PDB file of N, CA and C in Angstrom:
ATOM      1  N   MET A   1     137.236 127.935  58.970  1.00  0.00           N
ATOM      2  CA  MET A   1     137.031 129.212  59.693  1.00  0.00           C
ATOM      3  C   MET A   1     137.241 130.422  58.696  1.00  0.00           C
ATOM      4  N   LYS A   2     136.148 131.158  58.685  1.00  0.00           N
ATOM      5  CA  LYS A   2     136.164 132.277  57.656  1.00  0.00           C
ATOM      6  C   LYS A   2     136.706 133.681  58.353  1.00  0.00           C
ATOM      7  N   ARG A   3     136.210 133.802  59.608  1.00  0.00           N
ATOM      8  CA  ARG A   3     136.431 135.053  60.264  1.00  0.00           C
ATOM      9  C   ARG A   3     136.753 134.845  61.575  1.00  0.00           C
ATOM     10  N   ILE A   4     138.048 135.535  62.122  1.00  0.00           N
ATOM     11  CA  ILE A   4     138.501 135.316  63.470  1.00  0.00           C
ATOM     12  C   ILE A   4     138.741 136.788  64.089  1.00  0.00           C
ATOM     13  N   VAL A   5     138.223 136.932  65.322  1.00  0.00           N
ATOM     14  CA  VAL A   5     138.505 138.158  65.854  1.00  0.00           C
ATOM     15  C   VAL A   5     139.478 137.996  67.144  1.00  0.00           C
ATOM     16  N   ILE A   6     140.577 138.874  67.082  1.00  0.00           N
ATOM     17  CA  ILE A   6     141.650 138.724  67.971  1.00  0.00           C
ATOM     18  C   ILE A   6     141.647 140.025  68.793  1.00  0.00           C
ATOM     19  N   ALA A   7     141.353 139.871  70.139  1.00  0.00           N
ATOM     20  CA  ALA A   7     141.376 141.018  70.972  1.00  0.00           C
ATOM     21  C   ALA A   7     142.438 140.921  71.996  1.00  0.00           C
ATOM     22  N   ASP A   8     143.413 141.947  71.960  1.00  0.00           N
ATOM     23  CA  ASP A   8     144.509 142.037  72.985  1.00  0.00           C
ATOM     24  C   ASP A   8     144.989 143.496  73.046  1.00  0.00           C
ATOM     25  N   ASP A   9     145.319 143.997  74.006  1.00  0.00           N
ATOM     26  CA  ASP A   9     145.713 145.463  74.158  1.00  0.00           C
ATOM     27  C   ASP A   9     147.095 145.557  73.714  1.00  0.00           C
ATOM     28  N   SER A  10     147.783 144.399  73.418  1.00  0.00           N
ATOM     29  CA  SER A  10     149.119 144.593  72.953  1.00  0.00           C
ATOM     30  C   SER A  10     149.318 144.213  71.417  1.00  0.00           C
ATOM     31  N   ALA A  11     149.764 145.056  70.725  1.00  0.00           N
ATOM     32  CA  ALA A  11     149.867 144.861  69.331  1.00  0.00           C
ATOM     33  C   ALA A  11     150.755 143.531  68.949  1.00  0.00           C
ATOM     34  N   THR A  12     151.747 143.480  69.853  1.00  0.00           N
ATOM     35  CA  THR A  12     152.860 142.432  69.596  1.00  0.00           C
ATOM     36  C   THR A  12     152.083 141.118  69.804  1.00  0.00           C
ATOM     37  N   ALA A  13     151.176 141.119  70.965  1.00  0.00           N
ATOM     38  CA  ALA A  13     150.413 139.752  71.297  1.00  0.00           C
ATOM     39  C   ALA A  13     149.545 139.383  70.257  1.00  0.00           C
ATOM     40  N   ARG A  14     148.809 140.332  69.592  1.00  0.00           N
ATOM     41  CA  ARG A  14     148.001 140.215  68.524  1.00  0.00           C
ATOM     42  C   ARG A  14     148.781 139.549  67.327  1.00  0.00           C
ATOM     43  N   MET A  15     149.835 140.122  67.126  1.00  0.00           N
ATOM     44  CA  MET A  15     150.855 139.684  66.139  1.00  0.00           C
ATOM     45  C   MET A  15     151.011 138.180  66.021  1.00  0.00           C
ATOM     46  N   VAL A  16     151.453 137.862  67.379  1.00  0.00           N
ATOM     47  CA  VAL A  16     151.882 136.557  67.741  1.00  0.00           C
ATOM     48  C   VAL A  16     150.693 135.470  67.629  1.00  0.00           C
ATOM     49  N   ILE A  17     149.454 135.769  68.075  1.00  0.00           N
ATOM     50  CA  ILE A  17     148.277 135.102  67.936  1.00  0.00           C
ATOM     51  C   ILE A  17     147.879 134.860  66.399  1.00  0.00           C
ATOM     52  N   ARG A  18     148.156 135.937  65.830  1.00  0.00           N
ATOM     53  CA  ARG A  18     147.798 135.899  64.179  1.00  0.00           C
ATOM     54  C   ARG A  18     148.620 134.955  63.492  1.00  0.00           C
ATOM     55  N   ARG A  19     150.053 134.944  63.744  1.00  0.00           N
ATOM     56  CA  ARG A  19     150.996 134.190  63.393  1.00  0.00           C
ATOM     57  C   ARG A  19     150.739 132.806  63.553  1.00  0.00           C
ATOM     58  N   CYS A  20     150.500 132.417  64.968  1.00  0.00           N
ATOM     59  CA  CYS A  20     150.076 131.098  65.281  1.00  0.00           C
ATOM     60  C   CYS A  20     149.065 130.512  64.580  1.00  0.00           C
ATOM     61  N   LEU A  21     147.924 131.409  64.321  1.00  0.00           N
ATOM     62  CA  LEU A  21     146.792 130.886  63.552  1.00  0.00           C
ATOM     63  C   LEU A  21     147.239 130.616  62.058  1.00  0.00           C
ATOM     64  N   GLU A  22     147.938 131.408  61.612  1.00  0.00           N
ATOM     65  CA  GLU A  22     148.502 131.092  60.218  1.00  0.00           C
ATOM     66  C   GLU A  22     149.381 129.791  60.053  1.00  0.00           C
ATOM     67  N   ILE A  23     150.210 129.650  61.043  1.00  0.00           N
ATOM     68  CA  ILE A  23     151.072 128.454  61.150  1.00  0.00           C
ATOM     69  C   ILE A  23     150.205 127.090  61.151  1.00  0.00           C
ATOM     70  N   ILE A  24     149.188 127.228  61.907  1.00  0.00           N
ATOM     71  CA  ILE A  24     148.112 125.857  62.054  1.00  0.00           C
ATOM     72  C   ILE A  24     147.229 125.800  60.961  1.00  0.00           C
ATOM     73  N   GLY A  25     147.456 126.701  59.841  1.00  0.00           N
ATOM     74  CA  GLY A  25     146.414 126.393  58.690  1.00  0.00           C
ATOM     75  C   GLY A  25     145.215 127.283  58.581  1.00  0.00           C
ATOM     76  N   LEU A  26     145.086 128.394  59.366  1.00  0.00           N
ATOM     77  CA  LEU A  26     144.151 129.210  59.371  1.00  0.00           C
ATOM     78  C   LEU A  26     144.366 130.609  58.665  1.00  0.00           C
ATOM     79  N   GLY A  27     145.437 130.599  57.901  1.00  0.00           N
ATOM     80  CA  GLY A  27     145.841 131.950  57.275  1.00  0.00           C
ATOM     81  C   GLY A  27     144.863 132.344  56.222  1.00  0.00           C
ATOM     82  N   GLU A  28     143.962 131.511  55.706  1.00  0.00           N
ATOM     83  CA  GLU A  28     142.975 132.147  54.830  1.00  0.00           C
ATOM     84  C   GLU A  28     141.798 132.785  55.556  1.00  0.00           C
ATOM     85  N   ALA A  29     141.743 132.609  56.835  1.00  0.00           N
ATOM     86  CA  ALA A  29     140.633 133.418  57.588  1.00  0.00           C
ATOM     87  C   ALA A  29     140.885 134.873  57.514  1.00  0.00           C
ATOM     88  N   ASP A  30     139.745 135.618  57.679  1.00  0.00           N
ATOM     89  CA  ASP A  30     139.787 137.163  57.609  1.00  0.00           C
ATOM     90  C   ASP A  30     140.150 137.261  59.144  1.00  0.00           C
ATOM     91  N   MET A  31     141.151 137.969  59.505  1.00  0.00           N
ATOM     92  CA  MET A  31     141.548 138.125  60.842  1.00  0.00           C
ATOM     93  C   MET A  31     141.419 139.466  61.258  1.00  0.00           C
ATOM     94  N   VAL A  32     140.531 139.862  62.145  1.00  0.00           N
ATOM     95  CA  VAL A  32     140.151 141.062  62.421  1.00  0.00           C
ATOM     96  C   VAL A  32     140.757 141.461  64.032  1.00  0.00           C
ATOM     97  N   GLU A  33     141.464 142.402  64.150  1.00  0.00           N
ATOM     98  CA  GLU A  33     142.030 142.800  65.418  1.00  0.00           C
ATOM     99  C   GLU A  33     141.386 143.859  66.176  1.00  0.00           C
ATOM    100  N   ALA A  34     141.304 143.878  67.499  1.00  0.00           N
ATOM    101  CA  ALA A  34     140.941 144.860  68.311  1.00  0.00           C
ATOM    102  C   ALA A  34     141.620 145.055  69.587  1.00  0.00           C
ATOM    103  N   PRO A  35     141.877 146.322  69.883  1.00  0.00           N
ATOM    104  CA  PRO A  35     142.828 146.675  71.051  1.00  0.00           C
ATOM    105  C   PRO A  35     142.261 146.320  72.509  1.00  0.00           C
ATOM    106  N   ASN A  36     140.800 146.143  72.477  1.00  0.00           N
ATOM    107  CA  ASN A  36     140.117 145.924  73.824  1.00  0.00           C
ATOM    108  C   ASN A  36     138.798 145.231  73.582  1.00  0.00           C
ATOM    109  N   GLY A  37     138.248 144.841  74.712  1.00  0.00           N
ATOM    110  CA  GLY A  37     136.942 144.125  74.541  1.00  0.00           C
ATOM    111  C   GLY A  37     135.774 144.761  73.882  1.00  0.00           C
ATOM    112  N   ARG A  38     135.681 146.298  73.966  1.00  0.00           N
ATOM    113  CA  ARG A  38     134.596 147.041  73.484  1.00  0.00           C
ATOM    114  C   ARG A  38     134.649 146.924  72.056  1.00  0.00           C
ATOM    115  N   GLU A  39     135.984 147.291  71.639  1.00  0.00           N
ATOM    116  CA  GLU A  39     136.365 147.177  70.200  1.00  0.00           C
ATOM    117  C   GLU A  39     135.977 145.788  69.447  1.00  0.00           C
ATOM    118  N   ALA A  40     136.177 144.723  70.383  1.00  0.00           N
ATOM    119  CA  ALA A  40     135.978 143.542  69.764  1.00  0.00           C
ATOM    120  C   ALA A  40     134.489 143.254  69.620  1.00  0.00           C
ATOM    121  N   LEU A  41     133.716 143.500  70.550  1.00  0.00           N
ATOM    122  CA  LEU A  41     132.201 143.629  70.563  1.00  0.00           C
ATOM    123  C   LEU A  41     131.699 144.224  69.278  1.00  0.00           C
ATOM    124  N   ASN A  42     132.280 145.379  68.831  1.00  0.00           N
ATOM    125  CA  ASN A  42     132.008 146.149  67.630  1.00  0.00           C
ATOM    126  C   ASN A  42     132.233 145.269  66.410  1.00  0.00           C
ATOM    127  N   ARG A  43     133.503 144.681  66.455  1.00  0.00           N
ATOM    128  CA  ARG A  43     133.709 143.854  65.279  1.00  0.00           C
ATOM    129  C   ARG A  43     132.819 142.577  65.247  1.00  0.00           C
ATOM    130  N   LEU A  44     132.492 142.060  66.333  1.00  0.00           N
ATOM    131  CA  LEU A  44     131.618 140.784  66.213  1.00  0.00           C
ATOM    132  C   LEU A  44     130.169 141.117  65.921  1.00  0.00           C
ATOM    133  N   LYS A  45     129.839 142.346  66.027  1.00  0.00           N
ATOM    134  CA  LYS A  45     128.428 142.871  65.543  1.00  0.00           C
ATOM    135  C   LYS A  45     128.517 143.021  64.021  1.00  0.00           C
ATOM    136  N   GLU A  46     129.564 143.383  63.391  1.00  0.00           N
ATOM    137  CA  GLU A  46     129.595 143.684  61.985  1.00  0.00           C
ATOM    138  C   GLU A  46     129.214 142.425  61.209  1.00  0.00           C
ATOM    139  N   GLU A  47     129.742 141.436  61.293  1.00  0.00           N
ATOM    140  CA  GLU A  47     129.435 140.196  60.620  1.00  0.00           C
ATOM    141  C   GLU A  47     129.723 138.952  61.237  1.00  0.00           C
ATOM    142  N   PRO A  48     129.212 137.764  60.757  1.00  0.00           N
ATOM    143  CA  PRO A  48     129.487 136.687  61.422  1.00  0.00           C
ATOM    144  C   PRO A  48     130.822 136.269  61.684  1.00  0.00           C
ATOM    145  N   THR A  49     131.036 135.699  62.766  1.00  0.00           N
ATOM    146  CA  THR A  49     132.483 135.309  63.213  1.00  0.00           C
ATOM    147  C   THR A  49     132.505 133.974  63.668  1.00  0.00           C
ATOM    148  N   ASP A  50     133.667 133.215  63.440  1.00  0.00           N
ATOM    149  CA  ASP A  50     133.812 131.724  63.682  1.00  0.00           C
ATOM    150  C   ASP A  50     134.591 131.525  64.977  1.00  0.00           C
ATOM    151  N   LEU A  51     135.374 132.493  65.371  1.00  0.00           N
ATOM    152  CA  LEU A  51     136.287 132.373  66.581  1.00  0.00           C
ATOM    153  C   LEU A  51     136.636 133.707  67.200  1.00  0.00           C
ATOM    154  N   LEU A  52     136.625 133.781  68.515  1.00  0.00           N
ATOM    155  CA  LEU A  52     137.110 134.963  69.353  1.00  0.00           C
ATOM    156  C   LEU A  52     138.418 134.523  70.019  1.00  0.00           C
ATOM    157  N   VAL A  53     139.562 135.010  69.971  1.00  0.00           N
ATOM    158  CA  VAL A  53     140.581 134.770  70.647  1.00  0.00           C
ATOM    159  C   VAL A  53     140.851 136.148  71.583  1.00  0.00           C
ATOM    160  N   THR A  54     140.822 136.068  72.748  1.00  0.00           N
ATOM    161  CA  THR A  54     140.855 137.180  73.422  1.00  0.00           C
ATOM    162  C   THR A  54     141.835 137.190  74.812  1.00  0.00           C
ATOM    163  N   ASP A  55     142.516 138.316  75.010  1.00  0.00           N
ATOM    164  CA  ASP A  55     143.259 138.444  76.159  1.00  0.00           C
ATOM    165  C   ASP A  55     142.385 138.594  77.398  1.00  0.00           C
ATOM    166  N   LEU A  56     142.833 138.195  78.553  1.00  0.00           N
ATOM    167  CA  LEU A  56     141.994 138.397  79.728  1.00  0.00           C
ATOM    168  C   LEU A  56     141.921 139.820  80.271  1.00  0.00           C
ATOM    169  N   ASN A  57     143.316 140.375  80.395  1.00  0.00           N
ATOM    170  CA  ASN A  57     143.365 141.632  81.045  1.00  0.00           C
ATOM    171  C   ASN A  57     143.747 142.634  79.894  1.00  0.00           C
ATOM    172  N   MET A  58     142.685 143.530  79.693  1.00  0.00           N
ATOM    173  CA  MET A  58     142.581 144.624  78.777  1.00  0.00           C
ATOM    174  C   MET A  58     141.985 145.754  79.383  1.00  0.00           C
ATOM    175  N   PRO A  59     142.337 147.030  78.890  1.00  0.00           N
ATOM    176  CA  PRO A  59     141.582 148.332  79.337  1.00  0.00           C
ATOM    177  C   PRO A  59     140.397 148.325  78.796  1.00  0.00           C
ATOM    178  N   VAL A  60     139.499 149.273  79.052  1.00  0.00           N
ATOM    179  CA  VAL A  60     138.050 149.477  78.639  1.00  0.00           C
ATOM    180  C   VAL A  60     137.293 148.357  78.845  1.00  0.00           C
ATOM    181  N   MET A  61     137.390 147.197  78.377  1.00  0.00           N
ATOM    182  CA  MET A  61     136.573 146.027  78.635  1.00  0.00           C
ATOM    183  C   MET A  61     137.531 144.758  78.575  1.00  0.00           C
ATOM    184  N   ASP A  62     137.537 144.065  79.901  1.00  0.00           N
ATOM    185  CA  ASP A  62     138.424 142.950  79.904  1.00  0.00           C
ATOM    186  C   ASP A  62     137.922 141.530  79.242  1.00  0.00           C
ATOM    187  N   GLY A  63     138.590 140.685  79.143  1.00  0.00           N
ATOM    188  CA  GLY A  63     138.205 139.337  78.472  1.00  0.00           C
ATOM    189  C   GLY A  63     137.094 138.611  79.044  1.00  0.00           C
ATOM    190  N   GLU A  64     136.919 138.750  80.439  1.00  0.00           N
ATOM    191  CA  GLU A  64     135.877 138.017  81.150  1.00  0.00           C
ATOM    192  C   GLU A  64     134.614 138.673  80.953  1.00  0.00           C
ATOM    193  N   THR A  65     134.518 140.085  80.900  1.00  0.00           N
ATOM    194  CA  THR A  65     133.402 140.728  80.556  1.00  0.00           C
ATOM    195  C   THR A  65     132.866 140.468  79.227  1.00  0.00           C
ATOM    196  N   LEU A  66     133.886 140.596  78.163  1.00  0.00           N
ATOM    197  CA  LEU A  66     133.689 140.276  76.832  1.00  0.00           C
ATOM    198  C   LEU A  66     132.979 138.854  76.980  1.00  0.00           C
ATOM    199  N   LEU A  67     133.639 137.931  77.466  1.00  0.00           N
ATOM    200  CA  LEU A  67     133.072 136.510  77.379  1.00  0.00           C
ATOM    201  C   LEU A  67     131.663 136.365  77.776  1.00  0.00           C
ATOM    202  N   LYS A  68     131.348 136.997  78.917  1.00  0.00           N
ATOM    203  CA  LYS A  68     130.094 137.065  79.588  1.00  0.00           C
ATOM    204  C   LYS A  68     129.052 137.762  78.548  1.00  0.00           C
ATOM    205  N   TRP A  69     129.487 138.910  77.986  1.00  0.00           N
ATOM    206  CA  TRP A  69     128.665 139.550  76.972  1.00  0.00           C
ATOM    207  C   TRP A  69     128.315 138.521  75.857  1.00  0.00           C
ATOM    208  N   VAL A  70     129.271 137.983  75.358  1.00  0.00           N
ATOM    209  CA  VAL A  70     129.111 137.123  74.040  1.00  0.00           C
ATOM    210  C   VAL A  70     128.237 135.833  74.440  1.00  0.00           C
ATOM    211  N   LYS A  71     128.616 135.217  75.548  1.00  0.00           N
ATOM    212  CA  LYS A  71     127.586 133.999  75.988  1.00  0.00           C
ATOM    213  C   LYS A  71     126.231 134.572  76.465  1.00  0.00           C
ATOM    214  N   GLY A  72     126.010 135.702  76.788  1.00  0.00           N
ATOM    215  CA  GLY A  72     124.612 136.244  77.102  1.00  0.00           C
ATOM    216  C   GLY A  72     123.884 136.837  75.747  1.00  0.00           C
ATOM    217  N   SER A  73     124.509 136.905  74.575  1.00  0.00           N
ATOM    218  CA  SER A  73     123.931 137.253  73.560  1.00  0.00           C
ATOM    219  C   SER A  73     123.263 136.054  72.571  1.00  0.00           C
ATOM    220  N   PRO A  74     122.003 136.073  72.272  1.00  0.00           N
ATOM    221  CA  PRO A  74     121.472 134.964  71.684  1.00  0.00           C
ATOM    222  C   PRO A  74     122.059 134.833  70.294  1.00  0.00           C
ATOM    223  N   ARG A  75     122.572 135.765  69.677  1.00  0.00           N
ATOM    224  CA  ARG A  75     123.300 135.776  68.380  1.00  0.00           C
ATOM    225  C   ARG A  75     124.748 135.120  68.340  1.00  0.00           C
ATOM    226  N   LEU A  76     125.442 135.432  69.491  1.00  0.00           N
ATOM    227  CA  LEU A  76     126.664 135.058  69.670  1.00  0.00           C
ATOM    228  C   LEU A  76     127.135 133.865  70.566  1.00  0.00           C
ATOM    229  N   THR A  77     126.061 133.443  71.282  1.00  0.00           N
ATOM    230  CA  THR A  77     126.222 132.564  72.300  1.00  0.00           C
ATOM    231  C   THR A  77     126.930 131.323  71.978  1.00  0.00           C
ATOM    232  N   ASP A  78     126.876 130.757  70.560  1.00  0.00           N
ATOM    233  CA  ASP A  78     127.502 129.543  70.202  1.00  0.00           C
ATOM    234  C   ASP A  78     128.995 129.856  69.685  1.00  0.00           C
ATOM    235  N   LEU A  79     129.504 130.964  69.735  1.00  0.00           N
ATOM    236  CA  LEU A  79     130.794 131.448  69.345  1.00  0.00           C
ATOM    237  C   LEU A  79     131.992 130.912  70.192  1.00  0.00           C
ATOM    238  N   PRO A  80     132.844 130.074  69.573  1.00  0.00           N
ATOM    239  CA  PRO A  80     133.783 129.644  70.671  1.00  0.00           C
ATOM    240  C   PRO A  80     134.751 130.972  70.906  1.00  0.00           C
ATOM    241  N   VAL A  81     135.041 130.810  72.295  1.00  0.00           N
ATOM    242  CA  VAL A  81     135.803 132.000  72.772  1.00  0.00           C
ATOM    243  C   VAL A  81     137.207 131.303  73.472  1.00  0.00           C
ATOM    244  N   VAL A  82     138.383 131.619  72.976  1.00  0.00           N
ATOM    245  CA  VAL A  82     139.575 131.261  73.474  1.00  0.00           C
ATOM    246  C   VAL A  82     140.181 132.378  74.237  1.00  0.00           C
ATOM    247  N   ILE A  83     140.365 132.239  75.551  1.00  0.00           N
ATOM    248  CA  ILE A  83     141.066 133.243  76.384  1.00  0.00           C
ATOM    249  C   ILE A  83     142.445 133.000  76.517  1.00  0.00           C
ATOM    250  N   VAL A  84     143.196 134.044  76.336  1.00  0.00           N
ATOM    251  CA  VAL A  84     144.734 133.823  76.535  1.00  0.00           C
ATOM    252  C   VAL A  84     145.140 134.833  77.783  1.00  0.00           C
ATOM    253  N   THR A  85     145.932 134.187  78.614  1.00  0.00           N
ATOM    254  CA  THR A  85     146.169 135.146  79.849  1.00  0.00           C
ATOM    255  C   THR A  85     147.636 134.624  80.340  1.00  0.00           C
ATOM    256  N   SER A  86     148.060 135.653  80.975  1.00  0.00           N
ATOM    257  CA  SER A  86     149.452 135.493  81.597  1.00  0.00           C
ATOM    258  C   SER A  86     149.283 135.418  82.953  1.00  0.00           C
ATOM    259  N   ALA A  87     148.039 135.222  83.592  1.00  0.00           N
ATOM    260  CA  ALA A  87     147.865 135.114  84.954  1.00  0.00           C
ATOM    261  C   ALA A  87     148.106 133.648  85.391  1.00  0.00           C
ATOM    262  N   GLY A  88     147.867 132.673  84.652  1.00  0.00           N
ATOM    263  CA  GLY A  88     148.141 131.195  85.023  1.00  0.00           C
ATOM    264  C   GLY A  88     147.433 130.823  86.390  1.00  0.00           C
ATOM    265  N   ASN A  89     146.169 131.199  86.478  1.00  0.00           N
ATOM    266  CA  ASN A  89     145.425 131.027  87.570  1.00  0.00           C
ATOM    267  C   ASN A  89     144.419 129.894  87.554  1.00  0.00           C
ATOM    268  N   PRO A  90     144.671 128.691  88.023  1.00  0.00           N
ATOM    269  CA  PRO A  90     143.633 127.598  87.772  1.00  0.00           C
ATOM    270  C   PRO A  90     142.357 127.760  88.245  1.00  0.00           C
ATOM    271  N   ALA A  91     142.034 128.478  89.432  1.00  0.00           N
ATOM    272  CA  ALA A  91     140.686 128.700  89.788  1.00  0.00           C
ATOM    273  C   ALA A  91     139.996 129.605  88.687  1.00  0.00           C
ATOM    274  N   LYS A  92     140.862 130.624  88.148  1.00  0.00           N
ATOM    275  CA  LYS A  92     140.116 131.568  87.164  1.00  0.00           C
ATOM    276  C   LYS A  92     139.921 130.868  85.962  1.00  0.00           C
ATOM    277  N   GLU A  93     140.779 129.820  85.456  1.00  0.00           N
ATOM    278  CA  GLU A  93     140.497 129.152  84.330  1.00  0.00           C
ATOM    279  C   GLU A  93     139.256 128.346  84.485  1.00  0.00           C
ATOM    280  N   VAL A  94     138.893 127.752  85.652  1.00  0.00           N
ATOM    281  CA  VAL A  94     137.692 126.995  85.884  1.00  0.00           C
ATOM    282  C   VAL A  94     136.426 127.929  85.911  1.00  0.00           C
ATOM    283  N   GLU A  95     136.550 129.130  86.420  1.00  0.00           N
ATOM    284  CA  GLU A  95     135.524 130.072  86.470  1.00  0.00           C
ATOM    285  C   GLU A  95     135.285 130.546  84.947  1.00  0.00           C
ATOM    286  N   LEU A  96     136.369 130.744  84.101  1.00  0.00           N
ATOM    287  CA  LEU A  96     136.084 131.005  82.789  1.00  0.00           C
ATOM    288  C   LEU A  96     135.468 130.060  81.971  1.00  0.00           C
ATOM    289  N   THR A  97     135.887 128.894  82.161  1.00  0.00           N
ATOM    290  CA  THR A  97     135.226 127.532  81.510  1.00  0.00           C
ATOM    291  C   THR A  97     133.666 127.463  81.782  1.00  0.00           C
ATOM    292  N   THR A  98     133.568 127.713  83.042  1.00  0.00           N
ATOM    293  CA  THR A  98     132.046 127.592  83.489  1.00  0.00           C
ATOM    294  C   THR A  98     131.262 128.522  82.816  1.00  0.00           C
ATOM    295  N   ILE A  99     131.788 129.786  82.753  1.00  0.00           N
ATOM    296  CA  ILE A  99     131.110 130.821  81.863  1.00  0.00           C
ATOM    297  C   ILE A  99     130.805 130.555  80.515  1.00  0.00           C
ATOM    298  N   GLY A 100     131.732 129.789  80.004  1.00  0.00           N
ATOM    299  CA  GLY A 100     131.537 129.448  78.576  1.00  0.00           C
ATOM    300  C   GLY A 100     132.701 129.501  77.726  1.00  0.00           C
ATOM    301  N   ALA A 101     133.877 129.805  78.257  1.00  0.00           N
ATOM    302  CA  ALA A 101     135.052 129.827  77.460  1.00  0.00           C
ATOM    303  C   ALA A 101     135.417 128.461  76.853  1.00  0.00           C
ATOM    304  N   PHE A 102     135.559 128.397  75.568  1.00  0.00           N
ATOM    305  CA  PHE A 102     136.076 127.150  74.953  1.00  0.00           C
ATOM    306  C   PHE A 102     137.318 126.513  75.410  1.00  0.00           C
ATOM    307  N   ALA A 103     138.189 127.564  75.768  1.00  0.00           N
ATOM    308  CA  ALA A 103     139.602 127.292  76.288  1.00  0.00           C
ATOM    309  C   ALA A 103     140.219 128.313  76.957  1.00  0.00           C
ATOM    310  N   VAL A 104     141.303 128.152  77.875  1.00  0.00           N
ATOM    311  CA  VAL A 104     141.844 129.042  78.569  1.00  0.00           C
ATOM    312  C   VAL A 104     143.269 128.578  78.262  1.00  0.00           C
ATOM    313  N   LEU A 105     144.135 129.598  77.613  1.00  0.00           N
ATOM    314  CA  LEU A 105     145.445 129.301  77.302  1.00  0.00           C
ATOM    315  C   LEU A 105     146.462 130.243  77.964  1.00  0.00           C
ATOM    316  N   ASN A 106     147.626 129.678  78.532  1.00  0.00           N
ATOM    317  CA  ASN A 106     148.436 130.522  78.994  1.00  0.00           C
ATOM    318  C   ASN A 106     149.558 131.119  78.062  1.00  0.00           C
ATOM    319  N   LYS A 107     149.786 132.395  78.347  1.00  0.00           N
ATOM    320  CA  LYS A 107     150.819 133.056  77.479  1.00  0.00           C
ATOM    321  C   LYS A 107     152.255 132.542  77.945  1.00  0.00           C
ATOM    322  N   PRO A 108     153.220 132.505  77.063  1.00  0.00           N
ATOM    323  CA  PRO A 108     153.033 132.571  75.506  1.00  0.00           C
ATOM    324  C   PRO A 108     152.423 131.410  74.779  1.00  0.00           C
ATOM    325  N   ILE A 109     151.594 131.651  73.998  1.00  0.00           N
ATOM    326  CA  ILE A 109     150.909 130.686  73.273  1.00  0.00           C
ATOM    327  C   ILE A 109     151.888 130.123  72.253  1.00  0.00           C
ATOM    328  N   SER A 110     151.735 128.812  71.784  1.00  0.00           N
ATOM    329  CA  SER A 110     152.465 128.302  70.630  1.00  0.00           C
ATOM    330  C   SER A 110     151.630 127.747  69.654  1.00  0.00           C
ATOM    331  N   PRO A 111     152.052 127.455  68.328  1.00  0.00           N
ATOM    332  CA  PRO A 111     151.103 127.018  67.391  1.00  0.00           C
ATOM    333  C   PRO A 111     150.774 125.707  67.763  1.00  0.00           C
ATOM    334  N   ALA A 112     151.624 124.702  68.267  1.00  0.00           N
ATOM    335  CA  ALA A 112     151.194 123.511  68.829  1.00  0.00           C
ATOM    336  C   ALA A 112     150.093 123.429  69.732  1.00  0.00           C
ATOM    337  N   THR A 113     150.064 124.323  70.637  1.00  0.00           N
ATOM    338  CA  THR A 113     149.142 124.319  71.840  1.00  0.00           C
ATOM    339  C   THR A 113     147.791 124.810  70.915  1.00  0.00           C
ATOM    340  N   LEU A 114     147.951 125.728  70.242  1.00  0.00           N
ATOM    341  CA  LEU A 114     146.740 126.251  69.660  1.00  0.00           C
ATOM    342  C   LEU A 114     146.192 125.227  68.577  1.00  0.00           C
ATOM    343  N   LEU A 115     146.911 124.515  67.888  1.00  0.00           N
ATOM    344  CA  LEU A 115     146.496 123.534  66.994  1.00  0.00           C
ATOM    345  C   LEU A 115     145.648 122.477  67.839  1.00  0.00           C
ATOM    346  N   LYS A 116     146.254 122.114  69.004  1.00  0.00           N
ATOM    347  CA  LYS A 116     145.674 120.967  69.723  1.00  0.00           C
ATOM    348  C   LYS A 116     144.305 121.406  70.408  1.00  0.00           C
ATOM    349  N   THR A 117     144.263 122.742  70.691  1.00  0.00           N
ATOM    350  CA  THR A 117     142.965 123.459  71.324  1.00  0.00           C
ATOM    351  C   THR A 117     141.863 123.463  70.195  1.00  0.00           C
ATOM    352  N   LEU A 118     142.283 124.003  68.942  1.00  0.00           N
ATOM    353  CA  LEU A 118     141.237 124.273  67.897  1.00  0.00           C
ATOM    354  C   LEU A 118     140.879 123.207  67.031  1.00  0.00           C
ATOM    355  N   GLU A 119     141.576 121.995  67.087  1.00  0.00           N
ATOM    356  CA  GLU A 119     141.471 120.943  66.346  1.00  0.00           C
ATOM    357  C   GLU A 119     140.009 120.445  66.105  1.00  0.00           C
ATOM    358  N   PRO A 120     139.329 120.412  67.256  1.00  0.00           N
ATOM    359  CA  PRO A 120     137.829 120.041  67.229  1.00  0.00           C
ATOM    360  C   PRO A 120     137.078 121.154  66.288  1.00  0.00           C
ATOM    361  N   LEU A 121     137.435 122.266  66.292  1.00  0.00           N
ATOM    362  CA  LEU A 121     136.723 123.239  65.506  1.00  0.00           C
ATOM    363  C   LEU A 121     137.083 123.378  64.061  1.00  0.00           C
ATOM    364  N   MET A 122     138.203 122.730  63.810  1.00  0.00           N
ATOM    365  CA  MET A 122     138.599 122.926  62.329  1.00  0.00           C
ATOM    366  C   MET A 122     138.326 121.632  61.554  1.00  0.00           C
ATOM    367  N   GLN A 123     137.516 120.805  62.061  1.00  0.00           N
ATOM    368  CA  GLN A 123     137.034 119.684  61.351  1.00  0.00           C
ATOM    369  C   GLN A 123     136.024 120.045  60.336  1.00  0.00           C
TER     370      GLN A 123
END
């Protein structure tokens, strides 16, 4: 993976996600951070991206709206989107996966969980 966009309104959460990605061997990737979904979209439009990790609940544009936009864009539709949430709502997880989320992970995320989730993409 060459480029990863991390969207979360919490700078601490973005740092934790970045650190987990580094621990599982993706430290060489260009990691671009965004404080909300709209900023993440702007980053995604700048250059090709291999992975989007986004929080579900953010101001300006939430993770679900961002996911729908990505999956509705012919240029971005194949982009794997991992949604991280503190909601822990199984029905919402099914809904997000149906829309096209690659995975829905509950906070706090761990390197082990992230590695297990992303392994198919890292081949």
